[in-house]
Amino acid sequence: MLQLDHWLFSHLNALAGRWPWLDGLARLFLNDYFVPTLLAVLLAALWFEGRSKAEQAINQRAVLVATLSTIVGNILVKGCNLLYFRPRPFAEFEVNLLFYQPTDSSWPSNAAVIGFAIAFGVWRYNRCWGWPMLAIAFLFGFSRIFGGVHYPLDVLSGAMLAGVAVWLMVQQERAVAWLLQRLGGVVDKLGIG
């Protein structure tokens, strides 16, 4: 499996450095701020989106599940990092690096966990917003392979952990509903809902 992972990485990363416009686009998507900020702005917009109170409540549940899943996903990543350290591709091979050299474990990809936890969390409740968010999460993960920061297995594992985190949050339906009710009360008192 690791041989296939290395082979796929080397073929995808070999495309970096050939076209400046593609490298620039990859740098935009693989950095630590653009995609998480974009997804956070989309979550904020989704919180207020809805033609009816019922539709708005579903969207707010999606936002809350996505946010809590991101937190749970990060906890899962930290646990994995304590159990296993995988060197980054640039630490093992000569790569076309389009990013700075992170020093934390390559596996699983924390970036993929963040992107996919948000996207899966939204997709679970709102497919119209979820599909574009999944595309953004995919581009986030793919660009990190293309740019020499992660192996494909790191990104795939991060996406799977995100799926587990969302599943765990969906299983806590009553707790999510209780928290959503409390947040709704605060939002109503502030007059921003």
Protein backbone atom coordinates (compact mmCIF):
# COMPACT_ATOMS: atom_id res chain seq x y z
CA MET A 1 0.00 0.00 0.00
CA LEU A 2 2.83 2.41 0.83
CA GLN A 3 4.48 1.70 -2.52
CA LEU A 4 1.29 2.69 -4.32
CA ASP A 5 1.07 5.76 -2.09
CA HIS A 6 4.65 6.80 -2.99
CA TRP A 7 4.10 6.06 -6.68
CA LEU A 8 0.91 8.10 -6.84
CA PHE A 9 2.52 10.95 -4.90
CA SER A 10 5.54 11.06 -7.20
CA HIS A 11 3.35 11.17 -10.32
CA LEU A 12 1.07 13.92 -9.00
CA ASN A 13 3.90 15.98 -7.53
CA ALA A 14 5.88 15.67 -10.79
CA LEU A 15 3.25 17.92 -12.37
CA ALA A 16 4.22 20.78 -10.03
CA GLY A 17 6.66 23.32 -11.41
CA ARG A 18 5.56 22.94 -15.03
CA TRP A 19 2.91 25.65 -15.33
CA PRO A 20 3.24 28.81 -13.21
CA TRP A 21 -0.53 29.47 -13.30
CA LEU A 22 -1.27 25.96 -11.96
CA ASP A 23 1.40 26.30 -9.27
CA GLY A 24 -0.11 29.63 -8.23
CA LEU A 25 -3.59 28.11 -8.04
CA ALA A 26 -2.23 25.17 -6.02
CA ARG A 27 -0.44 27.55 -3.64
CA LEU A 28 -3.72 29.39 -3.10
CA PHE A 29 -5.57 26.17 -2.23
CA LEU A 30 -2.84 24.45 -0.22
CA ASN A 31 -2.05 27.28 2.16
CA ASP A 32 -3.26 27.05 5.73
CA TYR A 33 -5.65 30.00 5.53
CA PHE A 34 -7.52 30.31 2.23
CA VAL A 35 -9.71 27.18 2.30
CA PRO A 36 -10.41 27.16 6.06
CA THR A 37 -11.36 30.86 5.87
CA LEU A 38 -13.51 30.28 2.77
CA LEU A 39 -15.31 27.37 4.44
CA ALA A 40 -15.81 29.40 7.65
CA VAL A 41 -17.36 32.26 5.64
CA LEU A 42 -19.63 29.76 3.87
CA LEU A 43 -20.65 28.30 7.24
CA ALA A 44 -21.50 31.78 8.53
CA ALA A 45 -23.60 32.45 5.42
CA LEU A 46 -25.33 29.06 5.71
CA TRP A 47 -26.27 29.81 9.34
CA PHE A 48 -28.56 32.61 8.13
CA GLU A 49 -29.71 30.91 4.90
CA GLY A 50 -33.20 29.49 4.58
CA ARG A 51 -36.57 30.38 3.08
CA SER A 52 -38.40 29.26 6.20
CA LYS A 53 -37.65 28.83 9.90
CA ALA A 54 -37.57 25.04 9.40
CA GLU A 55 -35.07 25.29 6.54
CA GLN A 56 -32.95 27.73 8.54
CA ALA A 57 -33.00 25.32 11.51
CA ILE A 58 -31.70 22.49 9.29
CA ASN A 59 -28.94 24.73 7.97
CA GLN A 60 -27.99 25.76 11.49
CA ARG A 61 -27.83 22.10 12.49
CA ALA A 62 -25.51 21.52 9.51
CA VAL A 63 -23.26 24.37 10.64
CA LEU A 64 -23.15 23.11 14.20
CA VAL A 65 -22.44 19.50 13.18
CA ALA A 66 -19.72 20.67 10.77
CA THR A 67 -18.10 22.82 13.46
CA LEU A 68 -18.23 20.15 16.16
CA SER A 69 -16.98 17.53 13.69
CA THR A 70 -13.98 19.71 12.94
CA ILE A 71 -13.14 19.83 16.65
CA VAL A 72 -13.60 16.06 17.06
CA GLY A 73 -11.59 15.44 13.88
CA ASN A 74 -8.70 17.51 15.21
CA ILE A 75 -8.75 15.52 18.44
CA LEU A 76 -8.62 12.29 16.41
CA VAL A 77 -5.67 13.63 14.39
CA LYS A 78 -3.81 14.51 17.58
CA GLY A 79 -4.40 10.99 18.88
CA CYS A 80 -3.09 9.49 15.64
CA ASN A 81 -0.04 11.78 15.78
CA LEU A 82 0.74 10.60 19.31
CA LEU A 83 0.65 6.98 18.12
CA TYR A 84 2.49 7.31 14.82
CA PHE A 85 4.75 9.86 13.15
CA ARG A 86 5.04 9.78 9.38
CA PRO A 87 7.67 12.03 7.82
CA ARG A 88 6.51 14.49 5.18
CA PRO A 89 7.26 13.61 1.55
CA PHE A 90 9.93 16.32 1.26
CA ALA A 91 11.76 14.79 4.24
CA GLU A 92 12.09 11.46 2.40
CA PHE A 93 12.36 12.40 -1.27
CA GLU A 94 13.27 15.23 -3.56
CA VAL A 95 9.95 16.88 -4.34
CA ASN A 96 8.59 19.93 -6.10
CA LEU A 97 7.67 21.79 -2.92
CA LEU A 98 5.23 24.67 -3.35
CA PHE A 99 4.83 25.38 0.36
CA TYR A 100 6.84 25.82 3.55
CA GLN A 101 8.09 22.67 5.30
CA PRO A 102 5.73 21.71 8.15
CA THR A 103 7.38 19.68 10.90
CA ASP A 104 4.38 17.79 12.24
CA SER A 105 3.37 14.31 11.12
CA SER A 106 2.19 13.92 7.56
CA TRP A 107 -0.37 11.26 8.53
CA PRO A 108 -3.23 11.89 8.74
CA SER A 109 -3.66 15.20 6.97
CA ASN A 110 -5.08 17.73 9.40
CA ALA A 111 -5.97 19.95 6.45
CA ALA A 112 -8.06 17.15 4.94
CA VAL A 113 -9.80 16.57 8.28
CA ILE A 114 -10.76 20.24 8.51
CA GLY A 115 -11.95 20.52 4.92
CA PHE A 116 -13.85 17.25 4.82
CA ALA A 117 -15.35 17.55 8.33
CA ILE A 118 -16.94 20.83 7.33
CA ALA A 119 -18.00 19.56 3.91
CA PHE A 120 -19.38 16.21 5.12
CA GLY A 121 -21.15 17.91 8.03
CA VAL A 122 -22.92 20.32 5.70
CA TRP A 123 -23.56 17.69 3.00
CA ARG A 124 -25.33 15.49 5.57
CA TYR A 125 -28.05 18.14 5.95
CA ASN A 126 -27.88 20.31 2.83
CA ARG A 127 -26.68 18.76 -0.44
CA CYS A 128 -26.98 22.05 -2.35
CA TRP A 129 -24.29 23.65 -0.18
CA GLY A 130 -22.51 20.37 0.59
CA TRP A 131 -21.44 19.47 -2.95
CA PRO A 132 -19.50 22.69 -3.57
CA MET A 133 -17.92 22.39 -0.12
CA LEU A 134 -16.86 18.83 -0.93
CA ALA A 135 -15.26 20.11 -4.14
CA ILE A 136 -13.38 22.75 -2.14
CA ALA A 137 -12.24 20.12 0.40
CA PHE A 138 -11.08 17.87 -2.44
CA LEU A 139 -9.08 20.71 -4.00
CA PHE A 140 -7.59 21.49 -0.58
CA GLY A 141 -6.43 17.89 -0.14
CA PHE A 142 -5.32 17.40 -3.75
CA SER A 143 -3.30 20.64 -3.77
CA ARG A 144 -1.40 19.47 -0.69
CA ILE A 145 -0.36 16.32 -2.55
CA PHE A 146 0.43 18.26 -5.73
CA GLY A 147 2.45 20.80 -3.71
CA GLY A 148 4.59 18.15 -1.96
CA VAL A 149 3.18 18.48 1.57
CA HIS A 150 1.20 15.22 1.94
CA TYR A 151 0.99 11.74 0.50
CA PRO A 152 -2.34 10.64 -1.02
CA LEU A 153 -2.88 8.18 1.85
CA ASP A 154 -2.52 11.07 4.34
CA VAL A 155 -5.32 12.99 2.62
CA LEU A 156 -7.52 9.90 2.21
CA SER A 157 -7.03 9.03 5.89
CA GLY A 158 -7.88 12.61 6.87
CA ALA A 159 -11.08 12.45 4.82
CA MET A 160 -11.99 9.15 6.49
CA LEU A 161 -11.35 10.57 9.96
CA ALA A 162 -13.55 13.52 9.05
CA GLY A 163 -16.28 11.08 8.06
CA VAL A 164 -15.94 9.32 11.42
CA ALA A 165 -16.11 12.66 13.25
CA VAL A 166 -19.29 13.65 11.39
CA TRP A 167 -20.82 10.24 12.05
CA LEU A 168 -20.05 10.62 15.77
CA MET A 169 -21.69 14.05 15.86
CA VAL A 170 -24.78 12.85 13.99
CA GLN A 171 -25.10 10.07 16.60
CA GLN A 172 -25.29 12.79 19.25
CA GLU A 173 -28.49 14.22 17.76
CA ARG A 174 -30.06 15.13 21.12
CA ALA A 175 -26.93 16.92 22.36
CA VAL A 176 -26.63 18.80 19.06
CA ALA A 177 -30.31 19.79 19.22
CA TRP A 178 -29.90 20.99 22.83
CA LEU A 179 -26.82 23.04 21.92
CA LEU A 180 -28.54 24.45 18.84
CA GLN A 181 -31.51 25.52 20.98
CA ARG A 182 -29.16 27.29 23.42
CA LEU A 183 -27.30 29.01 20.57
CA GLY A 184 -30.60 30.06 19.02
CA GLY A 185 -31.60 31.75 22.27
CA VAL A 186 -28.34 33.68 22.39
CA VAL A 187 -28.66 34.68 18.72
CA ASP A 188 -32.24 35.84 19.30
CA LYS A 189 -31.19 37.93 22.31
CA LEU A 190 -28.45 39.56 20.27
CA GLY A 191 -30.93 40.28 17.48
CA ILE A 192 -28.77 38.75 14.72
CA GLY A 193 -30.90 35.72 13.88
